[in-house]
């Protein structure tokens, strides 16, 4: 009467075959990698100053472009322009973080996010 697994475990993890568990883990890993690749290929944009500045970043958090309307460039107020640029880029990066959380959060793996 030799059973595989630990005594009282029904032959595995709660009755689940270890091979089945590994198969599910590999499938989940492939799904996560696919989701990460899809997110990396997307672009996220944000604006600041009523559309005076626009930043576009990839899902991999790489700045792709920044557009500054000429009328917002004031040599007497460079600090305002710098603040608008920072705000715009940070908002675009936040959109990437939010999309990652939404997409990868569905896998519910403790410690991943």
PDB file of N, CA and C in Angstrom:
ATOM      1  N   UNK A   1       0.834  -1.178   0.000  1.00  0.00           N
ATOM      2  CA  UNK A   1       0.000   0.000   0.000  1.00  0.00           C
ATOM      3  C   UNK A   1       0.882   1.244   0.000  1.00  0.00           C
ATOM      4  N   UNK A   2       1.667   1.365  -1.006  1.00  0.00           N
ATOM      5  CA  UNK A   2       2.583   2.499  -1.124  1.00  0.00           C
ATOM      6  C   UNK A   2       1.924   3.582  -1.970  1.00  0.00           C
ATOM      7  N   UNK A   3       1.683   4.744  -1.320  1.00  0.00           N
ATOM      8  CA  UNK A   3       1.109   5.888  -2.010  1.00  0.00           C
ATOM      9  C   UNK A   3       2.187   6.925  -2.218  1.00  0.00           C
ATOM     10  N   UNK A   4       2.124   7.591  -3.328  1.00  0.00           N
ATOM     11  CA  UNK A   4       3.077   8.669  -3.557  1.00  0.00           C
ATOM     12  C   UNK A   4       2.608   9.911  -2.814  1.00  0.00           C
ATOM     13  N   UNK A   5       3.554  10.738  -2.438  1.00  0.00           N
ATOM     14  CA  UNK A   5       3.208  11.974  -1.750  1.00  0.00           C
ATOM     15  C   UNK A   5       3.393  11.830  -0.260  1.00  0.00           C
ATOM     16  N   UNK A   6       2.918  12.824   0.456  1.00  0.00           N
ATOM     17  CA  UNK A   6       3.039  12.830   1.896  1.00  0.00           C
ATOM     18  C   UNK A   6       1.827  12.156   2.522  1.00  0.00           C
ATOM     19  N   UNK A   7       2.014  11.520   3.677  1.00  0.00           N
ATOM     20  CA  UNK A   7       0.885  10.866   4.333  1.00  0.00           C
ATOM     21  C   UNK A   7      -0.218  11.875   4.622  1.00  0.00           C
ATOM     22  N   UNK A   8      -1.443  11.450   4.361  1.00  0.00           N
ATOM     23  CA  UNK A   8      -2.584  12.304   4.632  1.00  0.00           C
ATOM     24  C   UNK A   8      -2.806  13.380   3.595  1.00  0.00           C
ATOM     25  N   UNK A   9      -2.018  13.385   2.551  1.00  0.00           N
ATOM     26  CA  UNK A   9      -2.146  14.433   1.537  1.00  0.00           C
ATOM     27  C   UNK A   9      -2.880  13.946   0.292  1.00  0.00           C
ATOM     28  N   UNK A  10      -3.332  12.754   0.299  1.00  0.00           N
ATOM     29  CA  UNK A  10      -4.071  12.268  -0.865  1.00  0.00           C
ATOM     30  C   UNK A  10      -3.194  12.101  -2.088  1.00  0.00           C
ATOM     31  N   UNK A  11      -1.906  11.873  -1.891  1.00  0.00           N
ATOM     32  CA  UNK A  11      -1.030  11.610  -3.021  1.00  0.00           C
ATOM     33  C   UNK A  11      -0.454  12.854  -3.663  1.00  0.00           C
ATOM     34  N   UNK A  12      -0.551  13.978  -3.030  1.00  0.00           N
ATOM     35  CA  UNK A  12       0.013  15.191  -3.629  1.00  0.00           C
ATOM     36  C   UNK A  12      -0.418  16.420  -2.862  1.00  0.00           C
ATOM     37  N   UNK A  13      -0.419  17.564  -3.494  1.00  0.00           N
ATOM     38  CA  UNK A  13      -0.779  18.825  -2.855  1.00  0.00           C
ATOM     39  C   UNK A  13      -2.293  18.983  -2.913  1.00  0.00           C
ATOM     40  N   UNK A  14      -2.951  18.590  -1.810  1.00  0.00           N
ATOM     41  CA  UNK A  14      -4.405  18.701  -1.778  1.00  0.00           C
ATOM     42  C   UNK A  14      -5.054  17.846  -2.844  1.00  0.00           C
ATOM     43  N   UNK A  15      -4.429  16.751  -3.193  1.00  0.00           N
ATOM     44  CA  UNK A  15      -4.970  15.875  -4.228  1.00  0.00           C
ATOM     45  C   UNK A  15      -4.526  16.271  -5.623  1.00  0.00           C
ATOM     46  N   UNK A  16      -3.812  17.388  -5.762  1.00  0.00           N
ATOM     47  CA  UNK A  16      -3.370  17.836  -7.088  1.00  0.00           C
ATOM     48  C   UNK A  16      -2.044  17.170  -7.436  1.00  0.00           C
ATOM     49  N   UNK A  17      -1.975  16.649  -8.575  1.00  0.00           N
ATOM     50  CA  UNK A  17      -0.785  15.995  -9.091  1.00  0.00           C
ATOM     51  C   UNK A  17       0.325  17.043  -9.255  1.00  0.00           C
ATOM     52  N   UNK A  18       1.536  16.715  -8.829  1.00  0.00           N
ATOM     53  CA  UNK A  18       2.664  17.651  -8.911  1.00  0.00           C
ATOM     54  C   UNK A  18       2.950  18.024 -10.367  1.00  0.00           C
ATOM     55  N   UNK A  19       2.766  17.080 -11.268  1.00  0.00           N
ATOM     56  CA  UNK A  19       2.969  17.380 -12.695  1.00  0.00           C
ATOM     57  C   UNK A  19       1.945  18.394 -13.181  1.00  0.00           C
ATOM     58  N   UNK A  20       0.715  18.258 -12.714  1.00  0.00           N
ATOM     59  CA  UNK A  20      -0.336  19.205 -13.092  1.00  0.00           C
ATOM     60  C   UNK A  20      -0.019  20.591 -12.523  1.00  0.00           C
ATOM     61  N   UNK A  21       0.478  20.619 -11.296  1.00  0.00           N
ATOM     62  CA  UNK A  21       0.848  21.875 -10.660  1.00  0.00           C
ATOM     63  C   UNK A  21       1.966  22.568 -11.445  1.00  0.00           C
ATOM     64  N   UNK A  22       2.964  21.808 -11.859  1.00  0.00           N
ATOM     65  CA  UNK A  22       4.067  22.368 -12.644  1.00  0.00           C
ATOM     66  C   UNK A  22       3.575  22.869 -13.999  1.00  0.00           C
ATOM     67  N   UNK A  23       2.675  22.137 -14.599  1.00  0.00           N
ATOM     68  CA  UNK A  23       2.109  22.532 -15.891  1.00  0.00           C
ATOM     69  C   UNK A  23       1.364  23.867 -15.762  1.00  0.00           C
ATOM     70  N   UNK A  24       0.593  24.007 -14.688  1.00  0.00           N
ATOM     71  CA  UNK A  24      -0.144  25.250 -14.450  1.00  0.00           C
ATOM     72  C   UNK A  24       0.821  26.415 -14.207  1.00  0.00           C
ATOM     73  N   UNK A  25       1.899  26.153 -13.455  1.00  0.00           N
ATOM     74  CA  UNK A  25       2.885  27.200 -13.176  1.00  0.00           C
ATOM     75  C   UNK A  25       3.568  27.652 -14.459  1.00  0.00           C
ATOM     76  N   UNK A  26       3.909  26.730 -15.327  1.00  0.00           N
ATOM     77  CA  UNK A  26       4.549  27.086 -16.599  1.00  0.00           C
ATOM     78  C   UNK A  26       3.605  27.883 -17.487  1.00  0.00           C
ATOM     79  N   UNK A  27       2.334  27.510 -17.487  1.00  0.00           N
ATOM     80  CA  UNK A  27       1.345  28.235 -18.279  1.00  0.00           C
ATOM     81  C   UNK A  27       1.195  29.662 -17.745  1.00  0.00           C
ATOM     82  N   UNK A  28       1.142  29.797 -16.418  1.00  0.00           N
ATOM     83  CA  UNK A  28       1.015  31.118 -15.819  1.00  0.00           C
ATOM     84  C   UNK A  28       2.240  31.965 -16.147  1.00  0.00           C
ATOM     85  N   UNK A  29       3.423  31.377 -16.096  1.00  0.00           N
ATOM     86  CA  UNK A  29       4.645  32.106 -16.419  1.00  0.00           C
ATOM     87  C   UNK A  29       4.614  32.580 -17.870  1.00  0.00           C
ATOM     88  N   UNK A  30       4.171  31.724 -18.770  1.00  0.00           N
ATOM     89  CA  UNK A  30       4.084  32.113 -20.182  1.00  0.00           C
ATOM     90  C   UNK A  30       3.065  33.235 -20.370  1.00  0.00           C
ATOM     91  N   UNK A  31       1.937  33.142 -19.660  1.00  0.00           N
ATOM     92  CA  UNK A  31       0.913  34.189 -19.754  1.00  0.00           C
ATOM     93  C   UNK A  31       1.443  35.522 -19.235  1.00  0.00           C
ATOM     94  N   UNK A  32       2.180  35.485 -18.133  1.00  0.00           N
ATOM     95  CA  UNK A  32       2.756  36.705 -17.561  1.00  0.00           C
ATOM     96  C   UNK A  32       3.757  37.315 -18.531  1.00  0.00           C
ATOM     97  N   UNK A  33       4.626  36.486 -19.108  1.00  0.00           N
ATOM     98  CA  UNK A  33       5.619  36.992 -20.063  1.00  0.00           C
ATOM     99  C   UNK A  33       4.941  37.618 -21.272  1.00  0.00           C
ATOM    100  N   UNK A  34       3.863  37.001 -21.738  1.00  0.00           N
ATOM    101  CA  UNK A  34       3.124  37.539 -22.884  1.00  0.00           C
ATOM    102  C   UNK A  34       2.506  38.892 -22.523  1.00  0.00           C
ATOM    103  N   UNK A  35       1.921  38.979 -21.328  1.00  0.00           N
ATOM    104  CA  UNK A  35       1.322  40.238 -20.879  1.00  0.00           C
ATOM    105  C   UNK A  35       2.378  41.330 -20.760  1.00  0.00           C
ATOM    106  N   UNK A  36       3.541  40.998 -20.210  1.00  0.00           N
ATOM    107  CA  UNK A  36       4.618  41.974 -20.079  1.00  0.00           C
ATOM    108  C   UNK A  36       5.097  42.458 -21.443  1.00  0.00           C
ATOM    109  N   UNK A  37       5.197  41.544 -22.395  1.00  0.00           N
ATOM    110  CA  UNK A  37       5.636  41.925 -23.742  1.00  0.00           C
ATOM    111  C   UNK A  37       4.602  42.834 -24.398  1.00  0.00           C
ATOM    112  N   UNK A  38       3.323  42.497 -24.242  1.00  0.00           N
ATOM    113  CA  UNK A  38       2.268  43.327 -24.822  1.00  0.00           C
ATOM    114  C   UNK A  38       2.277  44.724 -24.208  1.00  0.00           C
ATOM    115  N   UNK A  39       2.459  44.799 -22.891  1.00  0.00           N
ATOM    116  CA  UNK A  39       2.536  46.104 -22.236  1.00  0.00           C
ATOM    117  C   UNK A  39       3.748  46.898 -22.719  1.00  0.00           C
ATOM    118  N   UNK A  40       4.863  46.211 -22.918  1.00  0.00           N
ATOM    119  CA  UNK A  40       6.079  46.870 -23.386  1.00  0.00           C
ATOM    120  C   UNK A  40       5.917  47.474 -24.768  1.00  0.00           C
ATOM    121  N   UNK A  41       5.055  46.894 -25.574  1.00  0.00           N
ATOM    122  CA  UNK A  41       4.829  47.387 -26.933  1.00  0.00           C
ATOM    123  C   UNK A  41       3.840  48.552 -26.989  1.00  0.00           C
ATOM    124  N   UNK A  42       3.112  48.779 -25.905  1.00  0.00           N
ATOM    125  CA  UNK A  42       2.140  49.871 -25.884  1.00  0.00           C
ATOM    126  C   UNK A  42       2.836  51.189 -25.590  1.00  0.00           C
ATOM    127  N   UNK A  43       2.153  52.264 -25.975  1.00  0.00           N
ATOM    128  CA  UNK A  43       2.630  53.602 -25.658  1.00  0.00           C
ATOM    129  C   UNK A  43       1.593  54.298 -24.791  1.00  0.00           C
ATOM    130  N   UNK A  44       2.086  55.087 -23.840  1.00  0.00           N
ATOM    131  CA  UNK A  44       1.235  55.816 -22.913  1.00  0.00           C
ATOM    132  C   UNK A  44       1.611  57.287 -23.004  1.00  0.00           C
ATOM    133  N   UNK A  45       0.604  58.144 -23.071  1.00  0.00           N
ATOM    134  CA  UNK A  45       0.905  59.572 -23.171  1.00  0.00           C
ATOM    135  C   UNK A  45       0.181  60.331 -22.067  1.00  0.00           C
ATOM    136  N   UNK A  46       0.741  61.466 -21.752  1.00  0.00           N
ATOM    137  CA  UNK A  46       0.149  62.367 -20.772  1.00  0.00           C
ATOM    138  C   UNK A  46       0.459  63.789 -21.198  1.00  0.00           C
ATOM    139  N   UNK A  47      -0.388  64.705 -20.741  1.00  0.00           N
ATOM    140  CA  UNK A  47      -0.171  66.111 -21.047  1.00  0.00           C
ATOM    141  C   UNK A  47      -0.138  66.911 -19.751  1.00  0.00           C
ATOM    142  N   UNK A  48       0.431  68.097 -19.839  1.00  0.00           N
ATOM    143  CA  UNK A  48       0.459  69.022 -18.709  1.00  0.00           C
ATOM    144  C   UNK A  48       0.311  70.434 -19.257  1.00  0.00           C
ATOM    145  N   UNK A  49      -0.090  71.333 -18.385  1.00  0.00           N
ATOM    146  CA  UNK A  49      -0.232  72.732 -18.798  1.00  0.00           C
ATOM    147  C   UNK A  49      -1.318  72.915 -19.836  1.00  0.00           C
ATOM    148  N   UNK A  50      -2.414  72.172 -19.684  1.00  0.00           N
ATOM    149  CA  UNK A  50      -3.516  72.302 -20.638  1.00  0.00           C
ATOM    150  C   UNK A  50      -3.154  71.844 -22.035  1.00  0.00           C
ATOM    151  N   UNK A  51      -2.256  70.889 -22.142  1.00  0.00           N
ATOM    152  CA  UNK A  51      -1.844  70.363 -23.436  1.00  0.00           C
ATOM    153  C   UNK A  51      -0.605  71.037 -24.004  1.00  0.00           C
ATOM    154  N   UNK A  52      -0.006  71.932 -23.224  1.00  0.00           N
ATOM    155  CA  UNK A  52       1.189  72.642 -23.695  1.00  0.00           C
ATOM    156  C   UNK A  52       2.376  71.696 -23.832  1.00  0.00           C
ATOM    157  N   UNK A  53       2.371  70.618 -23.034  1.00  0.00           N
ATOM    158  CA  UNK A  53       3.453  69.631 -23.066  1.00  0.00           C
ATOM    159  C   UNK A  53       2.821  68.259 -23.160  1.00  0.00           C
ATOM    160  N   UNK A  54       3.385  67.417 -23.999  1.00  0.00           N
ATOM    161  CA  UNK A  54       2.930  66.024 -24.101  1.00  0.00           C
ATOM    162  C   UNK A  54       4.152  65.116 -24.053  1.00  0.00           C
ATOM    163  N   UNK A  55       4.049  64.072 -23.232  1.00  0.00           N
ATOM    164  CA  UNK A  55       5.110  63.073 -23.144  1.00  0.00           C
ATOM    165  C   UNK A  55       4.526  61.722 -23.528  1.00  0.00           C
ATOM    166  N   UNK A  56       5.315  60.955 -24.260  1.00  0.00           N
ATOM    167  CA  UNK A  56       4.921  59.600 -24.648  1.00  0.00           C
ATOM    168  C   UNK A  56       6.004  58.655 -24.158  1.00  0.00           C
ATOM    169  N   UNK A  57       5.581  57.624 -23.413  1.00  0.00           N
ATOM    170  CA  UNK A  57       6.510  56.614 -22.912  1.00  0.00           C
ATOM    171  C   UNK A  57       6.033  55.238 -23.347  1.00  0.00           C
ATOM    172  N   UNK A  58       6.985  54.316 -23.442  1.00  0.00           N
ATOM    173  CA  UNK A  58       6.629  52.939 -23.769  1.00  0.00           C
ATOM    174  C   UNK A  58       6.221  52.224 -22.489  1.00  0.00           C
ATOM    175  N   UNK A  59       5.635  51.058 -22.653  1.00  0.00           N
ATOM    176  CA  UNK A  59       5.278  50.233 -21.511  1.00  0.00           C
ATOM    177  C   UNK A  59       6.489  49.746 -20.750  1.00  0.00           C
ATOM    178  N   UNK A  60       7.667  49.903 -21.346  1.00  0.00           N
ATOM    179  CA  UNK A  60       8.928  49.565 -20.676  1.00  0.00           C
ATOM    180  C   UNK A  60       9.526  50.773 -19.965  1.00  0.00           C
ATOM    181  N   UNK A  61       8.748  51.845 -19.884  1.00  0.00           N
ATOM    182  CA  UNK A  61       9.138  53.093 -19.220  1.00  0.00           C
ATOM    183  C   UNK A  61      10.321  53.783 -19.896  1.00  0.00           C
ATOM    184  N   UNK A  62      10.299  53.780 -21.198  1.00  0.00           N
ATOM    185  CA  UNK A  62      11.303  54.500 -21.980  1.00  0.00           C
ATOM    186  C   UNK A  62      10.612  55.704 -22.610  1.00  0.00           C
ATOM    187  N   UNK A  63      11.171  56.879 -22.387  1.00  0.00           N
ATOM    188  CA  UNK A  63      10.617  58.100 -22.951  1.00  0.00           C
ATOM    189  C   UNK A  63      10.784  58.055 -24.468  1.00  0.00           C
ATOM    190  N   UNK A  64       9.672  58.089 -25.192  1.00  0.00           N
ATOM    191  CA  UNK A  64       9.703  57.998 -26.653  1.00  0.00           C
ATOM    192  C   UNK A  64       9.711  59.385 -27.296  1.00  0.00           C
ATOM    193  N   UNK A  65       8.922  60.305 -26.732  1.00  0.00           N
ATOM    194  CA  UNK A  65       8.900  61.653 -27.288  1.00  0.00           C
ATOM    195  C   UNK A  65       8.371  62.633 -26.258  1.00  0.00           C
ATOM    196  N   UNK A  66       8.742  63.860 -26.470  1.00  0.00           N
ATOM    197  CA  UNK A  66       8.208  64.960 -25.666  1.00  0.00           C
ATOM    198  C   UNK A  66       7.961  66.119 -26.625  1.00  0.00           C
ATOM    199  N   UNK A  67       6.758  66.645 -26.545  1.00  0.00           N
ATOM    200  CA  UNK A  67       6.361  67.739 -27.433  1.00  0.00           C
ATOM    201  C   UNK A  67       6.076  68.960 -26.567  1.00  0.00           C
ATOM    202  N   UNK A  68       6.731  70.060 -26.905  1.00  0.00           N
ATOM    203  CA  UNK A  68       6.548  71.308 -26.166  1.00  0.00           C
ATOM    204  C   UNK A  68       6.048  72.358 -27.157  1.00  0.00           C
ATOM    205  N   UNK A  69       4.867  72.893 -26.894  1.00  0.00           N
ATOM    206  CA  UNK A  69       4.340  73.940 -27.764  1.00  0.00           C
ATOM    207  C   UNK A  69       5.168  75.210 -27.577  1.00  0.00           C
ATOM    208  N   UNK A  70       5.517  75.877 -28.668  1.00  0.00           N
ATOM    209  CA  UNK A  70       6.394  77.054 -28.596  1.00  0.00           C
ATOM    210  C   UNK A  70       5.880  78.148 -27.655  1.00  0.00           C
ATOM    211  N   UNK A  71       4.567  78.309 -27.555  1.00  0.00           N
ATOM    212  CA  UNK A  71       4.028  79.395 -26.733  1.00  0.00           C
ATOM    213  C   UNK A  71       4.263  79.202 -25.228  1.00  0.00           C
ATOM    214  N   UNK A  72       4.615  77.991 -24.807  1.00  0.00           N
ATOM    215  CA  UNK A  72       4.878  77.755 -23.380  1.00  0.00           C
ATOM    216  C   UNK A  72       6.342  78.045 -23.026  1.00  0.00           C
ATOM    217  N   UNK A  73       7.171  78.210 -24.033  1.00  0.00           N
ATOM    218  CA  UNK A  73       8.593  78.477 -23.792  1.00  0.00           C
ATOM    219  C   UNK A  73       8.769  79.970 -23.504  1.00  0.00           C
ATOM    220  N   UNK A  74       9.096  80.243 -22.246  1.00  0.00           N
ATOM    221  CA  UNK A  74       9.327  81.615 -21.805  1.00  0.00           C
ATOM    222  C   UNK A  74      10.708  81.667 -21.161  1.00  0.00           C
ATOM    223  N   UNK A  75      11.669  82.312 -21.819  1.00  0.00           N
ATOM    224  CA  UNK A  75      13.029  82.362 -21.271  1.00  0.00           C
ATOM    225  C   UNK A  75      13.090  82.971 -19.868  1.00  0.00           C
ATOM    226  N   UNK A  76      12.080  83.738 -19.505  1.00  0.00           N
ATOM    227  CA  UNK A  76      12.035  84.360 -18.187  1.00  0.00           C
ATOM    228  C   UNK A  76      11.491  83.408 -17.118  1.00  0.00           C
ATOM    229  N   UNK A  77      10.892  82.288 -17.559  1.00  0.00           N
ATOM    230  CA  UNK A  77      10.283  81.360 -16.594  1.00  0.00           C
ATOM    231  C   UNK A  77      10.613  79.911 -16.955  1.00  0.00           C
ATOM    232  N   UNK A  78      11.878  79.588 -16.980  1.00  0.00           N
ATOM    233  CA  UNK A  78      12.343  78.234 -17.304  1.00  0.00           C
ATOM    234  C   UNK A  78      11.875  77.239 -16.243  1.00  0.00           C
ATOM    235  N   UNK A  79      11.798  77.691 -15.000  1.00  0.00           N
ATOM    236  CA  UNK A  79      11.393  76.805 -13.905  1.00  0.00           C
ATOM    237  C   UNK A  79       9.986  76.246 -14.126  1.00  0.00           C
ATOM    238  N   UNK A  80       9.067  77.067 -14.621  1.00  0.00           N
ATOM    239  CA  UNK A  80       7.715  76.592 -14.890  1.00  0.00           C
ATOM    240  C   UNK A  80       7.736  75.506 -15.969  1.00  0.00           C
ATOM    241  N   UNK A  81       8.517  75.715 -16.994  1.00  0.00           N
ATOM    242  CA  UNK A  81       8.634  74.733 -18.069  1.00  0.00           C
ATOM    243  C   UNK A  81       9.196  73.417 -17.534  1.00  0.00           C
ATOM    244  N   UNK A  82      10.206  73.501 -16.698  1.00  0.00           N
ATOM    245  CA  UNK A  82      10.784  72.291 -16.093  1.00  0.00           C
ATOM    246  C   UNK A  82       9.742  71.549 -15.262  1.00  0.00           C
ATOM    247  N   UNK A  83       8.964  72.284 -14.483  1.00  0.00           N
ATOM    248  CA  UNK A  83       7.922  71.667 -13.654  1.00  0.00           C
ATOM    249  C   UNK A  83       6.863  70.982 -14.516  1.00  0.00           C
ATOM    250  N   UNK A  84       6.477  71.626 -15.602  1.00  0.00           N
ATOM    251  CA  UNK A  84       5.486  71.033 -16.502  1.00  0.00           C
ATOM    252  C   UNK A  84       6.013  69.738 -17.124  1.00  0.00           C
ATOM    253  N   UNK A  85       7.273  69.754 -17.513  1.00  0.00           N
ATOM    254  CA  UNK A  85       7.880  68.560 -18.115  1.00  0.00           C
ATOM    255  C   UNK A  85       7.913  67.420 -17.101  1.00  0.00           C
ATOM    256  N   UNK A  86       8.363  67.702 -15.882  1.00  0.00           N
ATOM    257  CA  UNK A  86       8.398  66.664 -14.841  1.00  0.00           C
ATOM    258  C   UNK A  86       7.010  66.101 -14.561  1.00  0.00           C
ATOM    259  N   UNK A  87       6.034  66.987 -14.431  1.00  0.00           N
ATOM    260  CA  UNK A  87       4.664  66.557 -14.165  1.00  0.00           C
ATOM    261  C   UNK A  87       4.153  65.660 -15.274  1.00  0.00           C
ATOM    262  N   UNK A  88       4.393  66.057 -16.488  1.00  0.00           N
ATOM    263  CA  UNK A  88       3.919  65.317 -17.654  1.00  0.00           C
ATOM    264  C   UNK A  88       4.560  63.926 -17.737  1.00  0.00           C
ATOM    265  N   UNK A  89       5.864  63.866 -17.603  1.00  0.00           N
ATOM    266  CA  UNK A  89       6.565  62.575 -17.693  1.00  0.00           C
ATOM    267  C   UNK A  89       6.151  61.659 -16.546  1.00  0.00           C
ATOM    268  N   UNK A  90       6.070  62.200 -15.338  1.00  0.00           N
ATOM    269  CA  UNK A  90       5.670  61.380 -14.201  1.00  0.00           C
ATOM    270  C   UNK A  90       4.251  60.841 -14.357  1.00  0.00           C
ATOM    271  N   UNK A  91       3.357  61.625 -14.935  1.00  0.00           N
ATOM    272  CA  UNK A  91       1.987  61.153 -15.160  1.00  0.00           C
ATOM    273  C   UNK A  91       1.970  60.034 -16.207  1.00  0.00           C
ATOM    274  N   UNK A  92       2.766  60.165 -17.258  1.00  0.00           N
ATOM    275  CA  UNK A  92       2.845  59.104 -18.268  1.00  0.00           C
ATOM    276  C   UNK A  92       3.394  57.816 -17.650  1.00  0.00           C
ATOM    277  N   UNK A  93       4.422  57.930 -16.805  1.00  0.00           N
ATOM    278  CA  UNK A  93       4.986  56.749 -16.139  1.00  0.00           C
ATOM    279  C   UNK A  93       3.987  56.126 -15.165  1.00  0.00           C
ATOM    280  N   UNK A  94       3.178  56.963 -14.516  1.00  0.00           N
ATOM    281  CA  UNK A  94       2.142  56.454 -13.615  1.00  0.00           C
ATOM    282  C   UNK A  94       1.116  55.635 -14.395  1.00  0.00           C
ATOM    283  N   UNK A  95       0.807  56.078 -15.605  1.00  0.00           N
ATOM    284  CA  UNK A  95      -0.133  55.327 -16.445  1.00  0.00           C
ATOM    285  C   UNK A  95       0.424  53.933 -16.770  1.00  0.00           C
ATOM    286  N   UNK A  96       1.734  53.844 -16.990  1.00  0.00           N
ATOM    287  CA  UNK A  96       2.363  52.544 -17.228  1.00  0.00           C
ATOM    288  C   UNK A  96       2.224  51.673 -15.984  1.00  0.00           C
ATOM    289  N   UNK A  97       2.529  52.240 -14.811  1.00  0.00           N
ATOM    290  CA  UNK A  97       2.406  51.485 -13.562  1.00  0.00           C
ATOM    291  C   UNK A  97       0.975  50.995 -13.345  1.00  0.00           C
ATOM    292  N   UNK A  98       0.010  51.862 -13.606  1.00  0.00           N
ATOM    293  CA  UNK A  98      -1.393  51.482 -13.436  1.00  0.00           C
ATOM    294  C   UNK A  98      -1.780  50.354 -14.392  1.00  0.00           C
ATOM    295  N   UNK A  99      -1.310  50.438 -15.635  1.00  0.00           N
ATOM    296  CA  UNK A  99      -1.615  49.390 -16.614  1.00  0.00           C
ATOM    297  C   UNK A  99      -0.962  48.065 -16.215  1.00  0.00           C
ATOM    298  N   UNK A 100       0.271  48.135 -15.708  1.00  0.00           N
ATOM    299  CA  UNK A 100       0.942  46.917 -15.250  1.00  0.00           C
ATOM    300  C   UNK A 100       0.205  46.290 -14.079  1.00  0.00           C
ATOM    301  N   UNK A 101      -0.212  47.117 -13.132  1.00  0.00           N
ATOM    302  CA  UNK A 101      -0.937  46.606 -11.972  1.00  0.00           C
ATOM    303  C   UNK A 101      -2.254  45.957 -12.400  1.00  0.00           C
ATOM    304  N   UNK A 102      -2.935  46.602 -13.325  1.00  0.00           N
ATOM    305  CA  UNK A 102      -4.215  46.056 -13.791  1.00  0.00           C
ATOM    306  C   UNK A 102      -4.019  44.742 -14.541  1.00  0.00           C
ATOM    307  N   UNK A 103      -3.013  44.695 -15.394  1.00  0.00           N
ATOM    308  CA  UNK A 103      -2.788  43.507 -16.227  1.00  0.00           C
ATOM    309  C   UNK A 103      -2.191  42.357 -15.432  1.00  0.00           C
ATOM    310  N   UNK A 104      -1.155  42.625 -14.669  1.00  0.00           N
ATOM    311  CA  UNK A 104      -0.458  41.550 -13.964  1.00  0.00           C
ATOM    312  C   UNK A 104      -1.091  41.237 -12.616  1.00  0.00           C
ATOM    313  N   UNK A 105      -1.895  42.150 -12.095  1.00  0.00           N
ATOM    314  CA  UNK A 105      -2.576  41.924 -10.823  1.00  0.00           C
ATOM    315  C   UNK A 105      -3.570  40.782 -10.881  1.00  0.00           C
ATOM    316  N   UNK A 106      -4.037  40.452 -12.077  1.00  0.00           N
ATOM    317  CA  UNK A 106      -5.009  39.368 -12.205  1.00  0.00           C
ATOM    318  C   UNK A 106      -4.395  38.003 -11.899  1.00  0.00           C
ATOM    319  N   UNK A 107      -3.069  37.930 -11.876  1.00  0.00           N
ATOM    320  CA  UNK A 107      -2.412  36.659 -11.568  1.00  0.00           C
ATOM    321  C   UNK A 107      -2.328  36.411 -10.065  1.00  0.00           C
ATOM    322  N   UNK A 108      -2.480  37.465  -9.258  1.00  0.00           N
ATOM    323  CA  UNK A 108      -2.574  37.334  -7.801  1.00  0.00           C
ATOM    324  C   UNK A 108      -1.465  36.490  -7.186  1.00  0.00           C
ATOM    325  N   UNK A 109      -0.234  36.861  -7.482  1.00  0.00           N
ATOM    326  CA  UNK A 109       0.914  36.155  -6.933  1.00  0.00           C
ATOM    327  C   UNK A 109       1.497  37.015  -5.811  1.00  0.00           C
ATOM    328  N   UNK A 110       1.467  36.544  -4.565  1.00  0.00           N
ATOM    329  CA  UNK A 110       1.973  37.345  -3.458  1.00  0.00           C
ATOM    330  C   UNK A 110       3.431  37.759  -3.682  1.00  0.00           C
ATOM    331  N   UNK A 111       3.726  39.019  -3.385  1.00  0.00           N
ATOM    332  CA  UNK A 111       5.078  39.529  -3.492  1.00  0.00           C
ATOM    333  C   UNK A 111       5.487  39.961  -4.887  1.00  0.00           C
ATOM    334  N   UNK A 112       4.629  39.751  -5.885  1.00  0.00           N
ATOM    335  CA  UNK A 112       5.001  40.111  -7.256  1.00  0.00           C
ATOM    336  C   UNK A 112       4.810  41.594  -7.508  1.00  0.00           C
ATOM    337  N   UNK A 113       3.760  42.163  -7.015  1.00  0.00           N
ATOM    338  CA  UNK A 113       3.465  43.581  -7.263  1.00  0.00           C
ATOM    339  C   UNK A 113       3.564  44.347  -5.967  1.00  0.00           C
TER     340      UNK A 113
END
